[in-house]
């Protein structure tokens, strides 16, 4: 199963849930944990893996041969990201906007555009017991997270249980990380901000056609509106984790929840079993 763990906003405890699930499942199966929060990967703070491989990720950036260019402007016209402009017989390239789609070189009528690789980050692999960690890391100053996420996801082995730690929010990197998942677990907190961002995340996941459920972290505080929303939207609440100083202390020290508080181990096994049941029902209904 490919299970993505996401949240509409940062700070909800998404990585706490993802790593706790990974540790619980690794007691019985091989687990791949993909950290696709490539702007700030932090799953390894809990996993403590030994990184054994690292390789760069490139995207193709256009390079113009102005001896061939007629300044027709076709490249600028086809670029959906405004990464090329043709002004006063000069072609301007904005690498920070380029998505490396290749449309400009493919459609240039004079074959004046070639592509050269620009490094935007790295993919790193390591192991900790029965957990294989695969994480992407976006180079500081670079903006294109989706190509790195795609490279991370190329390492998915469907024979394993796969957990994807998704970046917070609902932007392009989130969509890239979630798509193709069998289930998306949305982690939220019982506050007005938590509810607002949860509702946005639910819209994205449903648009992708992926079944989802909710984990409420820091349960027992806030304004009490999360649970009525989930009931109204027919979203199963699969786990509630209370606001607990001990949990917060473990998190601050990089200690996985089920290691610091073993009594939570069965709760995470049950969480995964419930997810498997929902996925099975959904697949049978198709």
Protein backbone atom coordinates (compact mmCIF):
# COMPACT_ATOMS: atom_id res chain seq x y z
CA UNK A 1 0.00 0.00 0.00
CA UNK A 2 1.10 3.55 -0.72
CA UNK A 3 -0.05 5.78 2.13
CA UNK A 4 0.53 9.53 2.03
CA UNK A 5 0.46 11.59 5.22
CA UNK A 6 -0.46 15.22 4.62
CA UNK A 7 -1.79 18.32 6.34
CA UNK A 8 -3.31 21.57 5.22
CA UNK A 9 -0.92 23.54 7.41
CA UNK A 10 2.45 23.12 9.07
CA UNK A 11 2.94 22.18 12.71
CA UNK A 12 0.11 19.66 13.01
CA UNK A 13 2.36 16.67 13.77
CA UNK A 14 2.33 15.14 10.29
CA UNK A 15 5.91 13.82 10.53
CA UNK A 16 5.20 12.47 14.02
CA UNK A 17 2.38 10.35 12.55
CA UNK A 18 4.35 9.27 9.46
CA UNK A 19 7.41 8.14 11.42
CA UNK A 20 5.34 6.44 14.13
CA UNK A 21 3.50 4.44 11.48
CA UNK A 22 6.80 3.54 9.83
CA UNK A 23 8.26 2.23 13.09
CA UNK A 24 5.11 0.29 13.96
CA UNK A 25 4.85 -1.39 10.54
CA UNK A 26 8.59 -2.10 10.36
CA UNK A 27 8.19 -4.61 13.19
CA UNK A 28 6.47 -6.94 10.70
CA UNK A 29 7.28 -5.69 7.20
CA UNK A 30 9.83 -3.82 5.13
CA UNK A 31 8.82 -0.15 5.04
CA UNK A 32 9.81 2.62 2.68
CA UNK A 33 9.48 6.10 4.19
CA UNK A 34 9.60 8.79 1.53
CA UNK A 35 10.22 12.29 2.85
CA UNK A 36 8.73 14.46 0.12
CA UNK A 37 8.77 17.63 2.20
CA UNK A 38 11.82 18.51 0.15
CA UNK A 39 12.11 22.13 1.29
CA UNK A 40 12.59 21.00 4.88
CA UNK A 41 12.92 17.20 5.18
CA UNK A 42 12.94 16.23 8.86
CA UNK A 43 11.79 12.60 9.06
CA UNK A 44 15.39 11.52 9.61
CA UNK A 45 15.41 13.41 12.92
CA UNK A 46 13.24 10.50 14.16
CA UNK A 47 14.51 7.70 11.90
CA UNK A 48 18.25 8.26 12.55
CA UNK A 49 19.14 6.47 9.34
CA UNK A 50 22.60 5.91 7.93
CA UNK A 51 22.63 7.75 4.57
CA UNK A 52 24.41 5.51 2.07
CA UNK A 53 23.53 7.12 -1.28
CA UNK A 54 23.16 10.67 -2.53
CA UNK A 55 22.82 11.90 -6.08
CA UNK A 56 21.88 15.23 -7.69
CA UNK A 57 18.62 16.09 -9.41
CA UNK A 58 18.69 18.24 -12.54
CA UNK A 59 16.08 19.99 -14.64
CA UNK A 60 16.70 20.95 -18.28
CA UNK A 61 17.08 24.71 -18.76
CA UNK A 62 16.84 26.22 -22.28
CA UNK A 63 19.94 27.60 -23.95
CA UNK A 64 19.49 29.75 -27.07
CA UNK A 65 21.85 29.80 -30.06
CA UNK A 66 21.29 33.35 -31.23
CA UNK A 67 23.06 32.66 -34.54
CA UNK A 68 20.04 30.53 -35.44
CA UNK A 69 17.34 32.46 -33.60
CA UNK A 70 15.02 34.69 -35.63
CA UNK A 71 13.38 36.16 -32.51
CA UNK A 72 9.99 34.97 -33.66
CA UNK A 73 8.81 34.71 -30.06
CA UNK A 74 7.38 31.21 -30.41
CA UNK A 75 9.35 29.99 -27.36
CA UNK A 76 7.91 32.74 -25.17
CA UNK A 77 4.44 32.06 -26.53
CA UNK A 78 4.47 28.36 -25.65
CA UNK A 79 6.09 28.75 -22.21
CA UNK A 80 3.28 28.35 -19.67
CA UNK A 81 5.52 29.58 -16.85
CA UNK A 82 6.80 32.85 -18.40
CA UNK A 83 10.37 31.61 -18.13
CA UNK A 84 11.27 33.05 -21.58
CA UNK A 85 10.79 36.54 -22.96
CA UNK A 86 11.80 37.94 -26.34
CA UNK A 87 12.49 41.68 -26.18
CA UNK A 88 14.21 43.86 -28.80
CA UNK A 89 15.88 40.92 -30.54
CA UNK A 90 17.08 39.48 -27.28
CA UNK A 91 15.96 36.22 -25.69
CA UNK A 92 15.78 36.40 -21.91
CA UNK A 93 15.80 33.17 -19.89
CA UNK A 94 14.56 33.11 -16.28
CA UNK A 95 15.84 29.77 -14.89
CA UNK A 96 14.07 30.18 -11.56
CA UNK A 97 10.71 30.05 -13.38
CA UNK A 98 11.55 27.17 -15.72
CA UNK A 99 9.82 23.84 -15.03
CA UNK A 100 11.97 21.94 -17.52
CA UNK A 101 9.00 20.86 -19.65
CA UNK A 102 10.96 21.11 -22.93
CA UNK A 103 8.17 22.75 -24.93
CA UNK A 104 10.38 25.65 -26.07
CA UNK A 105 13.10 23.44 -27.58
CA UNK A 106 10.60 21.05 -29.12
CA UNK A 107 8.56 23.78 -30.81
CA UNK A 108 11.33 26.17 -31.85
CA UNK A 109 10.97 26.44 -35.68
CA UNK A 110 14.70 27.13 -36.11
CA UNK A 111 15.96 24.44 -33.70
CA UNK A 112 17.82 27.24 -31.95
CA UNK A 113 17.10 26.01 -28.43
CA UNK A 114 18.94 23.23 -26.68
CA UNK A 115 18.79 22.28 -23.00
CA UNK A 116 21.41 22.03 -20.30
CA UNK A 117 20.97 20.52 -16.87
CA UNK A 118 20.72 22.73 -13.81
CA UNK A 119 21.10 21.06 -10.43
CA UNK A 120 18.18 21.87 -8.12
CA UNK A 121 18.68 19.43 -5.26
CA UNK A 122 19.55 15.90 -4.21
CA UNK A 123 17.91 12.59 -3.37
CA UNK A 124 19.36 10.69 -0.40
CA UNK A 125 18.80 7.08 0.65
CA UNK A 126 19.52 5.40 3.95
CA UNK A 127 18.38 2.63 6.26
CA UNK A 128 17.39 2.23 9.88
CA UNK A 129 16.54 -1.36 10.73
CA UNK A 130 13.63 -2.45 8.55
CA UNK A 131 12.95 1.11 7.36
CA UNK A 132 14.38 2.46 4.13
CA UNK A 133 14.40 6.26 4.13
CA UNK A 134 14.35 8.08 0.81
CA UNK A 135 14.37 11.86 1.10
CA UNK A 136 14.59 14.77 -1.31
CA UNK A 137 16.38 17.97 -0.47
CA UNK A 138 15.78 21.15 -2.50
CA UNK A 139 18.82 23.39 -2.88
CA UNK A 140 18.44 26.69 -1.04
CA UNK A 141 17.31 29.37 -3.47
CA UNK A 142 15.69 26.90 -5.88
CA UNK A 143 11.92 26.91 -6.35
CA UNK A 144 11.07 23.74 -8.29
CA UNK A 145 10.18 21.09 -5.71
CA UNK A 146 8.04 18.76 -7.95
CA UNK A 147 10.97 17.39 -10.03
CA UNK A 148 12.73 16.29 -6.82
CA UNK A 149 9.53 14.72 -5.49
CA UNK A 150 9.17 12.78 -8.75
CA UNK A 151 12.73 11.50 -8.40
CA UNK A 152 12.05 10.39 -4.81
CA UNK A 153 8.90 8.54 -5.86
CA UNK A 154 10.75 6.66 -8.61
CA UNK A 155 12.21 4.53 -5.81
CA UNK A 156 8.84 3.21 -4.65
CA UNK A 157 8.82 -0.58 -4.43
CA UNK A 158 5.22 -1.77 -4.32
CA UNK A 159 6.26 -4.97 -2.53
CA UNK A 160 6.84 -2.85 0.59
CA UNK A 161 4.57 -0.74 2.73
CA UNK A 162 5.18 2.81 1.51
CA UNK A 163 4.60 5.92 3.62
CA UNK A 164 4.96 9.35 2.03
CA UNK A 165 5.57 12.33 4.30
CA UNK A 166 4.05 15.21 2.31
CA UNK A 167 4.87 18.89 2.66
CA UNK A 168 2.19 21.04 4.37
CA UNK A 169 -0.33 23.04 2.36
CA UNK A 170 -2.21 22.41 -0.88
CA UNK A 171 0.25 23.62 -3.54
CA UNK A 172 1.88 21.81 -6.49
CA UNK A 173 4.45 19.89 -4.37
CA UNK A 174 1.60 18.49 -2.26
CA UNK A 175 -0.33 17.32 -5.33
CA UNK A 176 2.84 15.77 -6.79
CA UNK A 177 3.53 13.85 -3.58
CA UNK A 178 -0.04 12.64 -2.97
CA UNK A 179 -1.06 11.53 -6.45
CA UNK A 180 -0.84 7.80 -7.00
CA UNK A 181 -1.45 7.04 -3.31
CA UNK A 182 -3.93 4.39 -2.23
CA UNK A 183 -4.96 6.48 0.77
CA UNK A 184 -4.22 9.92 2.21
CA UNK A 185 -4.13 10.46 5.95
CA UNK A 186 -4.81 14.10 6.83
CA UNK A 187 -3.38 15.31 10.13
CA UNK A 188 -5.05 18.31 11.70
CA UNK A 189 -5.46 20.15 14.99
CA UNK A 190 -8.75 21.30 16.58
CA UNK A 191 -8.37 25.03 15.92
CA UNK A 192 -10.02 27.45 13.46
CA UNK A 193 -6.82 27.50 11.38
CA UNK A 194 -6.68 23.71 11.49
CA UNK A 195 -10.28 23.42 10.25
CA UNK A 196 -9.80 25.94 7.46
CA UNK A 197 -6.69 24.24 6.13
CA UNK A 198 -8.12 20.75 6.58
CA UNK A 199 -11.10 21.68 4.42
CA UNK A 200 -8.75 22.89 1.66
CA UNK A 201 -6.70 19.70 1.86
CA UNK A 202 -9.85 17.56 1.66
CA UNK A 203 -10.86 19.33 -1.55
CA UNK A 204 -7.46 18.62 -3.12
CA UNK A 205 -7.43 14.95 -2.14
CA UNK A 206 -10.98 14.40 -3.35
CA UNK A 207 -10.17 16.12 -6.64
CA UNK A 208 -7.39 13.54 -7.06
CA UNK A 209 -9.88 10.75 -6.35
CA UNK A 210 -7.97 9.38 -3.36
CA UNK A 211 -9.83 8.12 -0.25
CA UNK A 212 -8.85 9.92 2.94
CA UNK A 213 -9.27 9.94 6.70
CA UNK A 214 -8.30 12.23 9.55
CA UNK A 215 -5.99 12.16 12.54
CA UNK A 216 -6.70 14.83 15.16
CA UNK A 217 -3.54 15.82 16.99
CA UNK A 218 -3.72 17.75 20.28
CA UNK A 219 -7.30 16.55 20.68
CA UNK A 220 -9.30 17.94 23.57
CA UNK A 221 -8.49 21.61 23.04
CA UNK A 222 -9.69 24.20 20.54
CA UNK A 223 -13.18 25.16 19.47
CA UNK A 224 -14.70 21.70 18.89
CA UNK A 225 -15.59 22.28 15.23
CA UNK A 226 -13.31 19.68 13.62
CA UNK A 227 -15.41 16.65 14.56
CA UNK A 228 -18.76 18.08 13.31
CA UNK A 229 -17.03 19.01 10.04
CA UNK A 230 -15.68 15.47 9.63
CA UNK A 231 -19.12 14.02 10.37
CA UNK A 232 -20.76 16.33 7.84
CA UNK A 233 -18.16 15.46 5.19
CA UNK A 234 -18.25 11.74 6.04
CA UNK A 235 -14.56 11.77 6.85
CA UNK A 236 -13.54 8.97 9.21
CA UNK A 237 -11.57 10.12 12.25
CA UNK A 238 -9.06 7.31 12.56
CA UNK A 239 -6.96 8.45 15.51
CA UNK A 240 -7.02 11.08 18.24
CA UNK A 241 -3.80 12.11 19.99
CA UNK A 242 -4.29 14.32 23.07
CA UNK A 243 -2.35 17.45 23.93
CA UNK A 244 0.30 15.87 26.15
CA UNK A 245 3.47 17.46 27.47
CA UNK A 246 5.30 14.12 27.33
CA UNK A 247 4.51 13.72 23.62
CA UNK A 248 5.74 17.25 22.96
CA UNK A 249 8.95 16.56 24.88
CA UNK A 250 9.61 13.38 22.89
CA UNK A 251 9.01 15.28 19.64
CA UNK A 252 11.43 18.03 20.63
CA UNK A 253 14.12 15.41 21.30
CA UNK A 254 13.56 13.51 18.05
CA UNK A 255 12.26 10.42 19.84
CA UNK A 256 9.57 8.49 17.89
CA UNK A 257 6.26 8.35 19.74
CA UNK A 258 6.00 4.57 19.86
CA UNK A 259 9.55 4.29 21.21
CA UNK A 260 9.09 6.89 23.92
CA UNK A 261 5.55 5.76 24.75
CA UNK A 262 5.20 2.08 23.70
CA UNK A 263 1.56 2.07 24.76
CA UNK A 264 0.83 3.86 21.44
CA UNK A 265 2.15 0.95 19.35
CA UNK A 266 -1.20 -0.86 19.17
CA UNK A 267 -3.00 2.38 18.29
CA UNK A 268 -0.82 2.77 15.19
CA UNK A 269 -1.28 -0.88 14.22
CA UNK A 270 -5.04 -0.33 14.52
CA UNK A 271 -4.78 2.88 12.49
CA UNK A 272 -3.13 1.00 9.61
CA UNK A 273 -5.62 -1.86 9.80
CA UNK A 274 -8.51 0.61 9.57
CA UNK A 275 -6.89 2.25 6.54
CA UNK A 276 -6.43 -1.14 4.85
CA UNK A 277 -10.12 -1.90 5.41
CA UNK A 278 -11.24 1.42 3.89
CA UNK A 279 -8.97 0.91 0.87
CA UNK A 280 -10.27 -2.64 0.40
CA UNK A 281 -13.90 -1.47 0.50
CA UNK A 282 -13.18 1.33 -1.98
CA UNK A 283 -11.42 -1.01 -4.40
CA UNK A 284 -14.26 -3.52 -4.19
CA UNK A 285 -16.77 -0.76 -4.97
CA UNK A 286 -15.00 0.23 -8.20
